[in-house]
Structure formats: C-alpha cells, structure tokens
Amino acid sequence: MKKILIIQNKRIGDVLISSVIANNFKAKFPDSEVHLMAYEFTHGVIQNNPNIDRIISINEKELKKFKNLLKTIRQVQKEKYDIIFDPYSKLQSRLICKFGGAKQTVGHKSRKKIGNLGYYTHPVEILKEKTQICGKAIEDRIHLLQQVISLDTINYEPKIFLTEEEQQFKVPYNYQDKPIIMLGILGSTPQKSMPYEYVAQLVDHISEQFNCYLLFNYSPSQKEEADKIYNLCTHKSNIILDIYAPSIRDFAVLMNQCSVLVSNEGGTVHIAKALNKPTFTIFSPYINKDDWSSFEDGKFHKSVHLLDFLPNAISELTYEKYKEIEKNPRELYLKLTPEMIIPELDSFLKDNLH
C-alpha cells in the first residue's frame, strides 16, 4: 500500500485541477492512502471526493512564518509518505518536500536561474505547450504523476462530488420558470476582473435578448464592488438578489441548479466544468489561455481572450511579460470590448441556454 501527499498551496481552481492526481492515483492503486494539503477556503471543491482520504488544512499567512512551517514539516515527517507531489512549487511546499522525509518527491523545476537545490527527487520541466484538450495546467499535473507511475488510462477531468442531499437542492419556486445564468461578475483578483462598465453592458445585453434570470456570483469580500456593477446596469428586473452562495461549496451546489456559467476566468469556471455545466469564460489579457482553457470545444465550453481578436496586442507572451501585464492589465482589458464579445456570447447562449 502506498501513501501519498499532494500539496496545492494556491487558489480554488488550482486545488480542483490538482485533484486529478488523486483521482488517477486511486484508479491505479485503489488501496493507497491519498492526502491533499490545501488552504482552508479551497476545501469545498474536494470535499466528498472518494479518491482523497484526508484533507490537510493550511493557512497561507501562517505557513509563511518559519515556526509554523517547521511544525508542518514535522507533521509531514510523522506521516511517512512514500511520495509527495508539489504541483505549484512555492518555497514553502518545496521545503516541505525537501525535509518531509518522503522516498520520492515530484515537483516543477524553478523558472529562475537559481536552480532546484535538491528540493525534489524528481524535478520536472513545465510543459512548453499543451497537447490535450484539457489544457496545459491539468496536463502538467498528469505529467508529474507519470514521473513515478505508469498510467494505462488517464482521466483528465476534475470532478465535484456532491452528496445526495446537495444534488436534491432546488432554487426557490419563483425562480424555477426560467433558466438561470450564473454570472461571475468579478475575478478572484482585481487583475482578473473585466472593467465594470463592460460587465454591465454584457448584463444589459443578456437581459434584453434572453428570457432568463441572472445570478451574480462574487466572494463576500467583493460585495461593495458587486454593488458598483449592479448600479451600472440598466436592466435589473431579471437579476436575482435574494440568493447568494457564501462559500465555495455553496456555490457548487447552486451552480448545479443553473443552466450555464458566464464568468471572468477563475476557480468558478473549473467548478462549473467539474459539474458538467456549459461555460463561457472571459480571460484577463495576462493569463495564458492555453494553460487554463480546459476542455474547450467552442460550443459547450467557450472562451474569449484579447489575443483572439487582436493577435498583436501583446508582442511576446514571456513569463516576465505576464508579470508586467499582471500588475496593471486594465489598459489591455479595455481593448476587449463588449462589441467583440457579444457575438461569441450570443452563439454560446443560443446553443446552451435551455
């Protein structure tokens, strides 16, 4: 019997797609014990996953304190893992791998010239480009797994495992007469958020052209910003205000009752896909679409990126260039206008809004 740890000290989407390591490992070794270490606020996407035997909670700020990091390393040592997988490869997770006592440690090589300093027994290059429809971020994680085990069949699709009770949840009766569009009106960070005036224009267009309800999704800390977008909208009658998902798990349960997701790129998109719901994604200019545009067929899952319309808007998408754009993408974001997006959005909604 093998015992493994997956460390994913990043955000919601990253944790969900890293669950493919657990899913494929369990398929190969049903009697293995699989642990996944993740920030507390991300647990909703991996709860009830039968391929994860234990979820280990960590706190981002606390883990950066040396005393707490040392305590976590000691706890990992006591578990005596056979393998540790480190998909994101932050300094804290690298140190856990280096000193955690596992027989094998697998993680991505540093992009910087500093080298890898013996963090992993199996340091792995990040793939240069995607070869699968799942997108490079998922493919990179499967590639890590393949460094230490061979896979006869590969399941690239992350999945949310809802309980029977969660599957039975229904929205209030007065919202059951029309399809509901879940709208991810804000990204997980300001840099991932489309300009508010553009979001309002898209909301108004959908309200005018489609017979549906619109449900705004945002995190509790984004309430003030969500109100700003709502106030910019002209057509408010079909916007649902009295249903809100306060947690990630609540969002998954609520998303399961919606017809489609239209959203800024982020973790909610991966959740909708893991629930087999149609998605329309609007990418921030600094995000590499090939990395994160998973399972896109142009119909059931569709996305738009500035480079789809203006291929020369960014001359070279190097790692350094991403970082530069990430600090202030608004100037480029403004070039991705509603007039560009609406024809693509209309065709998506006509195909999927039932």
Protein backbone atom coordinates (compact mmCIF):
# COMPACT_ATOMS: atom_id res chain seq x y z
CA MET A 1 0.00 0.00 0.00
CA LYS A 2 1.32 3.43 -0.95
CA LYS A 3 0.76 6.63 0.97
CA ILE A 4 0.97 9.92 -0.90
CA LEU A 5 0.61 13.64 -0.24
CA ILE A 6 -0.41 16.26 -2.78
CA ILE A 7 0.48 19.83 -1.76
CA GLN A 8 -1.52 22.53 -3.52
CA ASN A 9 -0.96 25.81 -1.69
CA LYS A 10 -2.77 28.00 -4.19
CA ARG A 11 -6.32 29.03 -5.05
CA ILE A 12 -9.58 27.22 -5.72
CA GLY A 13 -9.11 26.32 -9.39
CA ASP A 14 -5.60 25.02 -8.77
CA VAL A 15 -6.80 22.77 -5.95
CA LEU A 16 -9.64 21.35 -8.03
CA ILE A 17 -7.46 20.55 -11.03
CA SER A 18 -4.79 19.03 -8.78
CA SER A 19 -7.40 16.53 -7.63
CA VAL A 20 -6.79 14.74 -10.96
CA ILE A 21 -3.57 13.46 -9.37
CA ALA A 22 -5.60 11.86 -6.58
CA ASN A 23 -8.24 10.51 -8.98
CA ASN A 24 -5.71 8.83 -11.26
CA PHE A 25 -3.52 7.56 -8.43
CA LYS A 26 -6.51 5.90 -6.73
CA ALA A 27 -7.61 4.37 -10.01
CA LYS A 28 -4.18 2.76 -10.33
CA PHE A 29 -3.80 1.89 -6.62
CA PRO A 30 -7.27 1.51 -5.05
CA ASP A 31 -5.82 0.53 -1.66
CA SER A 32 -3.49 3.54 -1.43
CA GLU A 33 -3.91 6.36 1.07
CA VAL A 34 -4.13 9.80 -0.52
CA HIS A 35 -3.83 13.08 1.41
CA LEU A 36 -4.23 16.57 -0.07
CA MET A 37 -2.86 19.66 1.67
CA ALA A 38 -4.65 22.90 0.76
CA TYR A 39 -5.74 26.27 2.12
CA GLU A 40 -8.92 26.10 4.21
CA PHE A 41 -11.04 28.28 1.89
CA THR A 42 -10.47 25.86 -1.03
CA HIS A 43 -11.72 22.68 0.67
CA GLY A 44 -15.21 22.95 -0.82
CA VAL A 45 -14.03 21.72 -4.23
CA ILE A 46 -12.51 18.49 -2.89
CA GLN A 47 -14.92 17.59 -0.09
CA ASN A 48 -16.63 14.22 -0.55
CA ASN A 49 -14.08 13.16 -3.19
CA PRO A 50 -13.76 9.38 -2.65
CA ASN A 51 -10.21 9.48 -4.01
CA ILE A 52 -8.96 11.76 -1.21
CA ASP A 53 -8.74 10.04 2.17
CA ARG A 54 -7.74 13.12 4.15
CA ILE A 55 -7.72 16.87 3.55
CA ILE A 56 -4.98 18.67 5.49
CA SER A 57 -5.73 22.30 6.20
CA ILE A 58 -3.09 25.04 5.98
CA ASN A 59 -3.25 28.81 6.23
CA GLU A 60 -1.36 30.93 3.70
CA LYS A 61 -0.16 33.65 6.08
CA GLU A 62 0.64 31.23 8.88
CA LEU A 63 2.64 28.90 6.63
CA LYS A 64 4.97 31.80 5.74
CA LYS A 65 6.03 32.03 9.39
CA PHE A 66 9.12 29.89 9.90
CA LYS A 67 7.90 28.41 13.20
CA ASN A 68 4.64 27.20 11.61
CA LEU A 69 6.40 25.92 8.51
CA LEU A 70 8.76 23.90 10.71
CA LYS A 71 5.78 22.47 12.61
CA THR A 72 4.11 21.47 9.32
CA ILE A 73 7.32 19.79 8.12
CA ARG A 74 7.49 17.76 11.36
CA GLN A 75 3.86 16.67 10.92
CA VAL A 76 4.63 15.57 7.37
CA GLN A 77 7.66 13.62 8.58
CA LYS A 78 5.47 11.70 11.06
CA GLU A 79 3.12 10.58 8.25
CA LYS A 80 5.96 8.73 6.45
CA TYR A 81 4.71 9.39 2.91
CA ASP A 82 6.01 7.32 0.03
CA ILE A 83 5.52 10.13 -2.49
CA ILE A 84 4.86 13.87 -2.25
CA PHE A 85 3.57 15.75 -5.30
CA ASP A 86 4.09 19.51 -5.43
CA PRO A 87 2.28 20.93 -8.49
CA TYR A 88 2.64 24.63 -7.68
CA SER A 89 6.20 24.56 -6.25
CA LYS A 90 6.19 27.54 -3.88
CA LEU A 91 9.08 27.98 -1.45
CA GLN A 92 7.08 26.58 1.49
CA SER A 93 5.96 23.46 -0.39
CA ARG A 94 9.48 22.92 -1.75
CA LEU A 95 10.89 22.96 1.77
CA ILE A 96 8.20 20.51 2.90
CA CYS A 97 9.28 18.22 0.06
CA LYS A 98 12.99 18.60 0.82
CA PHE A 99 12.69 17.87 4.54
CA GLY A 100 9.41 15.91 4.72
CA GLY A 101 11.08 12.50 4.60
CA ALA A 102 9.23 11.03 1.61
CA LYS A 103 11.01 8.46 -0.52
CA GLN A 104 10.06 10.29 -3.69
CA THR A 105 9.23 13.95 -4.21
CA VAL A 106 7.94 15.30 -7.51
CA GLY A 107 7.67 18.97 -8.44
CA HIS A 108 8.32 21.52 -11.12
CA LYS A 109 11.79 22.94 -11.71
CA SER A 110 12.26 26.59 -10.88
CA ARG A 111 11.85 29.05 -13.76
CA LYS A 112 14.64 31.11 -12.22
CA LYS A 113 18.35 30.54 -12.71
CA ILE A 114 18.84 29.76 -9.02
CA GLY A 115 18.24 26.07 -9.75
CA ASN A 116 16.39 23.44 -7.75
CA LEU A 117 18.65 22.98 -4.71
CA GLY A 118 17.65 19.35 -4.22
CA TYR A 119 14.02 20.04 -3.35
CA TYR A 120 12.80 17.03 -5.35
CA THR A 121 13.99 13.55 -6.18
CA HIS A 122 12.11 14.07 -9.47
CA PRO A 123 12.39 17.70 -10.66
CA VAL A 124 10.22 18.13 -13.74
CA GLU A 125 10.21 20.72 -16.52
CA ILE A 126 6.89 22.52 -17.06
CA LEU A 127 5.49 21.51 -20.46
CA LYS A 128 6.17 24.06 -23.17
CA GLU A 129 2.76 23.70 -24.81
CA LYS A 130 -0.44 21.74 -24.41
CA THR A 131 -1.15 18.56 -26.37
CA GLN A 132 -4.52 17.70 -24.81
CA ILE A 133 -7.90 19.47 -24.82
CA CYS A 134 -7.79 19.52 -21.01
CA GLY A 135 -5.37 22.48 -21.11
CA LYS A 136 -1.76 22.67 -20.04
CA ALA A 137 -2.39 23.23 -16.31
CA ILE A 138 -4.08 19.83 -15.99
CA GLU A 139 -1.62 18.20 -18.37
CA ASP A 140 1.29 19.47 -16.25
CA ARG A 141 -0.19 17.73 -13.20
CA ILE A 142 -0.69 14.44 -15.01
CA HIS A 143 2.89 14.77 -16.25
CA LEU A 144 4.07 14.98 -12.62
CA LEU A 145 2.20 11.78 -11.79
CA GLN A 146 3.72 9.99 -14.76
CA GLN A 147 7.22 10.60 -13.42
CA VAL A 148 6.72 7.94 -10.77
CA ILE A 149 3.93 5.67 -12.02
CA SER A 150 2.74 4.45 -15.41
CA LEU A 151 -0.90 5.02 -16.31
CA ASP A 152 -2.80 2.62 -18.57
CA THR A 153 -5.69 5.07 -18.87
CA ILE A 154 -5.78 8.73 -17.92
CA ASN A 155 -8.78 10.66 -16.65
CA TYR A 156 -8.05 14.35 -17.24
CA GLU A 157 -11.39 15.64 -15.95
CA PRO A 158 -11.63 17.09 -12.43
CA LYS A 159 -14.94 16.35 -10.77
CA ILE A 160 -17.01 17.83 -7.93
CA PHE A 161 -18.62 15.09 -5.86
CA LEU A 162 -21.91 16.40 -4.46
CA THR A 163 -23.74 14.48 -1.76
CA GLU A 164 -27.25 13.17 -2.45
CA GLU A 165 -28.66 15.94 -0.28
CA GLU A 166 -26.71 18.57 -2.21
CA GLN A 167 -27.94 17.17 -5.51
CA GLN A 168 -31.54 17.49 -4.30
CA PHE A 169 -31.22 21.21 -3.57
CA LYS A 170 -33.61 23.45 -5.55
CA VAL A 171 -33.72 27.22 -6.01
CA PRO A 172 -36.87 28.92 -4.67
CA TYR A 173 -40.01 28.11 -6.64
CA ASN A 174 -40.39 31.63 -8.04
CA TYR A 175 -37.09 31.19 -9.96
CA GLN A 176 -37.88 27.81 -11.47
CA ASP A 177 -39.84 29.11 -14.50
CA LYS A 178 -36.80 30.31 -16.48
CA PRO A 179 -33.22 29.14 -16.97
CA ILE A 180 -30.68 30.76 -14.64
CA ILE A 181 -27.35 32.12 -15.84
CA MET A 182 -24.67 32.23 -13.17
CA LEU A 183 -22.59 35.36 -13.78
CA GLY A 184 -19.05 35.53 -12.43
CA ILE A 185 -19.00 39.32 -12.47
CA LEU A 186 -15.64 39.65 -10.69
CA GLY A 187 -12.40 37.74 -10.95
CA SER A 188 -10.64 36.33 -7.89
CA THR A 189 -8.34 39.38 -8.03
CA PRO A 190 -8.83 42.88 -9.49
CA GLN A 191 -6.38 41.96 -12.27
CA LYS A 192 -8.69 39.13 -13.35
CA SER A 193 -11.79 41.33 -13.35
CA MET A 194 -13.20 42.73 -16.55
CA PRO A 195 -13.84 46.53 -16.49
CA TYR A 196 -17.09 47.10 -14.60
CA GLU A 197 -18.68 49.19 -17.34
CA TYR A 198 -18.15 46.30 -19.80
CA VAL A 199 -19.67 43.77 -17.38
CA ALA A 200 -22.76 45.97 -17.02
CA GLN A 201 -23.11 46.21 -20.81
CA LEU A 202 -23.00 42.42 -21.10
CA VAL A 203 -25.58 42.05 -18.31
CA ASP A 204 -27.90 44.51 -20.05
CA HIS A 205 -27.47 42.75 -23.39
CA ILE A 206 -28.31 39.32 -21.93
CA SER A 207 -31.33 40.78 -20.11
CA GLU A 208 -32.65 42.28 -23.33
CA GLN A 209 -32.01 39.32 -25.62
CA PHE A 210 -32.67 36.22 -23.49
CA ASN A 211 -35.58 35.12 -21.31
CA CYS A 212 -33.69 34.10 -18.20
CA TYR A 213 -32.65 35.02 -14.68
CA LEU A 214 -29.20 36.38 -13.89
CA LEU A 215 -27.46 35.42 -10.67
CA PHE A 216 -24.40 37.44 -9.64
CA ASN A 217 -21.54 35.47 -8.13
CA TYR A 218 -18.80 37.11 -6.06
CA SER A 219 -16.97 36.46 -2.81
CA PRO A 220 -18.24 38.01 0.44
CA SER A 221 -15.33 40.49 0.44
CA GLN A 222 -16.37 41.71 -3.03
CA LYS A 223 -19.89 42.82 -2.06
CA GLU A 224 -19.11 46.52 -2.42
CA GLU A 225 -17.58 46.02 -5.88
CA ALA A 226 -20.53 43.84 -6.97
CA ASP A 227 -22.90 46.62 -5.94
CA LYS A 228 -20.97 49.03 -8.17
CA ILE A 229 -21.57 46.75 -11.16
CA TYR A 230 -25.25 46.31 -10.26
CA ASN A 231 -25.69 50.08 -10.12
CA LEU A 232 -24.18 50.41 -13.60
CA CYS A 233 -26.78 48.02 -15.06
CA THR A 234 -29.86 49.46 -16.77
CA HIS A 235 -31.97 46.28 -16.96
CA LYS A 236 -32.21 44.95 -13.40
CA SER A 237 -35.58 43.18 -13.35
CA ASN A 238 -34.22 39.67 -14.00
CA ILE A 239 -31.21 39.94 -11.70
CA ILE A 240 -31.65 37.68 -8.66
CA LEU A 241 -30.64 39.47 -5.46
CA ASP A 242 -32.00 37.19 -2.72
CA ILE A 243 -29.92 34.07 -3.47
CA TYR A 244 -26.24 34.06 -2.57
CA ALA A 245 -23.63 31.35 -2.08
CA PRO A 246 -21.42 32.37 0.88
CA SER A 247 -18.92 29.52 0.49
CA ILE A 248 -17.27 27.64 -2.36
CA ARG A 249 -19.26 24.51 -1.55
CA ASP A 250 -22.49 26.52 -1.54
CA PHE A 251 -21.52 27.91 -4.93
CA ALA A 252 -21.04 24.39 -6.34
CA VAL A 253 -24.47 23.34 -5.05
CA LEU A 254 -26.07 26.47 -6.50
CA MET A 255 -24.17 26.18 -9.80
CA ASN A 256 -25.56 22.68 -10.16
CA GLN A 257 -29.04 24.26 -10.42
CA CYS A 258 -28.04 26.83 -13.07
CA SER A 259 -28.09 26.31 -16.83
CA VAL A 260 -24.77 27.94 -17.73
CA LEU A 261 -21.90 29.96 -16.33
CA VAL A 262 -20.69 33.20 -17.91
CA SER A 263 -17.68 34.42 -15.99
CA ASN A 264 -14.32 36.05 -15.64
CA GLU A 265 -11.68 33.31 -15.69
CA GLY A 266 -11.11 31.72 -12.30
CA GLY A 267 -11.93 28.88 -9.95
CA THR A 268 -15.69 29.11 -10.52
CA VAL A 269 -15.16 28.18 -14.17
CA HIS A 270 -13.37 24.98 -13.16
CA ILE A 271 -16.16 24.19 -10.69
CA ALA A 272 -18.84 24.58 -13.38
CA LYS A 273 -16.85 22.36 -15.74
CA ALA A 274 -16.42 19.75 -12.99
CA LEU A 275 -20.23 19.77 -12.66
CA ASN A 276 -20.57 19.32 -16.43
CA LYS A 277 -22.18 22.74 -16.92
CA PRO A 278 -21.63 24.82 -20.09
CA THR A 279 -19.17 27.68 -19.57
CA PHE A 280 -18.34 30.95 -21.30
CA THR A 281 -15.07 32.38 -19.99
CA ILE A 282 -13.63 35.88 -20.35
CA PHE A 283 -9.85 35.82 -19.90
CA SER A 284 -7.72 38.59 -18.48
CA PRO A 285 -5.05 39.67 -21.02
CA TYR A 286 -2.17 38.50 -18.81
CA ILE A 287 -3.46 34.91 -18.49
CA ASN A 288 -2.17 32.35 -20.97
CA LYS A 289 -5.36 30.92 -22.45
CA ASP A 290 -3.69 27.63 -23.46
CA ASP A 291 -2.83 26.92 -19.83
CA TRP A 292 -6.33 27.35 -18.41
CA SER A 293 -8.86 26.95 -21.24
CA SER A 294 -9.70 23.37 -20.38
CA PHE A 295 -11.96 21.12 -22.47
CA GLU A 296 -12.96 23.90 -24.83
CA ASP A 297 -14.77 22.81 -27.98
CA GLY A 298 -16.09 26.23 -29.00
CA LYS A 299 -19.66 25.23 -28.16
CA PHE A 300 -20.22 23.61 -24.73
CA HIS A 301 -17.12 25.29 -23.29
CA LYS A 302 -16.13 28.52 -24.97
CA SER A 303 -13.85 31.45 -24.10
CA VAL A 304 -12.63 34.82 -25.33
CA HIS A 305 -9.22 36.43 -24.93
CA LEU A 306 -7.91 39.71 -26.29
CA LEU A 307 -5.43 37.83 -28.49
CA ASP A 308 -8.32 36.03 -30.24
CA PHE A 309 -9.28 39.38 -31.77
CA LEU A 310 -6.02 41.35 -31.69
CA PRO A 311 -3.18 38.80 -32.06
CA ASN A 312 -0.51 41.50 -31.94
CA ALA A 313 -1.84 43.31 -28.87
CA ILE A 314 0.94 41.71 -26.84
CA SER A 315 4.11 41.12 -28.80
CA GLU A 316 5.71 38.34 -26.74
CA LEU A 317 3.95 36.40 -24.02
CA THR A 318 7.04 35.54 -21.96
CA TYR A 319 6.86 34.78 -18.26
CA GLU A 320 8.35 38.19 -17.47
CA LYS A 321 5.82 39.87 -19.77
CA TYR A 322 2.92 38.17 -17.98
CA LYS A 323 4.17 39.59 -14.68
CA GLU A 324 4.44 43.07 -16.13
CA ILE A 325 0.91 42.98 -17.58
CA GLU A 326 -0.48 41.38 -14.43
CA LYS A 327 0.32 44.50 -12.37
CA ASN A 328 -2.00 46.66 -14.47
CA PRO A 329 -3.95 44.86 -17.23
CA ARG A 330 -6.76 47.45 -17.46
CA GLU A 331 -5.30 49.26 -20.49
CA LEU A 332 -5.26 45.99 -22.44
CA TYR A 333 -8.55 44.81 -20.92
CA LEU A 334 -10.30 47.89 -22.34
CA LYS A 335 -9.38 46.72 -25.82
CA LEU A 336 -11.51 43.57 -25.34
CA THR A 337 -14.80 45.38 -25.92
CA PRO A 338 -18.38 44.10 -25.47
CA GLU A 339 -18.81 44.52 -29.24
CA MET A 340 -16.16 41.82 -29.71
CA ILE A 341 -17.54 39.53 -27.01
CA ILE A 342 -21.30 39.72 -27.68
CA PRO A 343 -21.43 37.75 -30.98
CA GLU A 344 -19.47 34.91 -29.35
CA LEU A 345 -21.61 35.06 -26.21
CA ASP A 346 -24.85 35.05 -28.19
CA SER A 347 -23.94 31.92 -30.13
CA PHE A 348 -22.91 30.19 -26.88
CA LEU A 349 -26.17 31.05 -25.10
CA LYS A 350 -28.30 30.03 -28.09
CA ASP A 351 -26.60 26.62 -28.04
CA ASN A 352 -26.71 26.02 -24.28
CA LEU A 353 -29.37 28.10 -22.51
CA HIS A 354 -32.21 25.65 -22.01
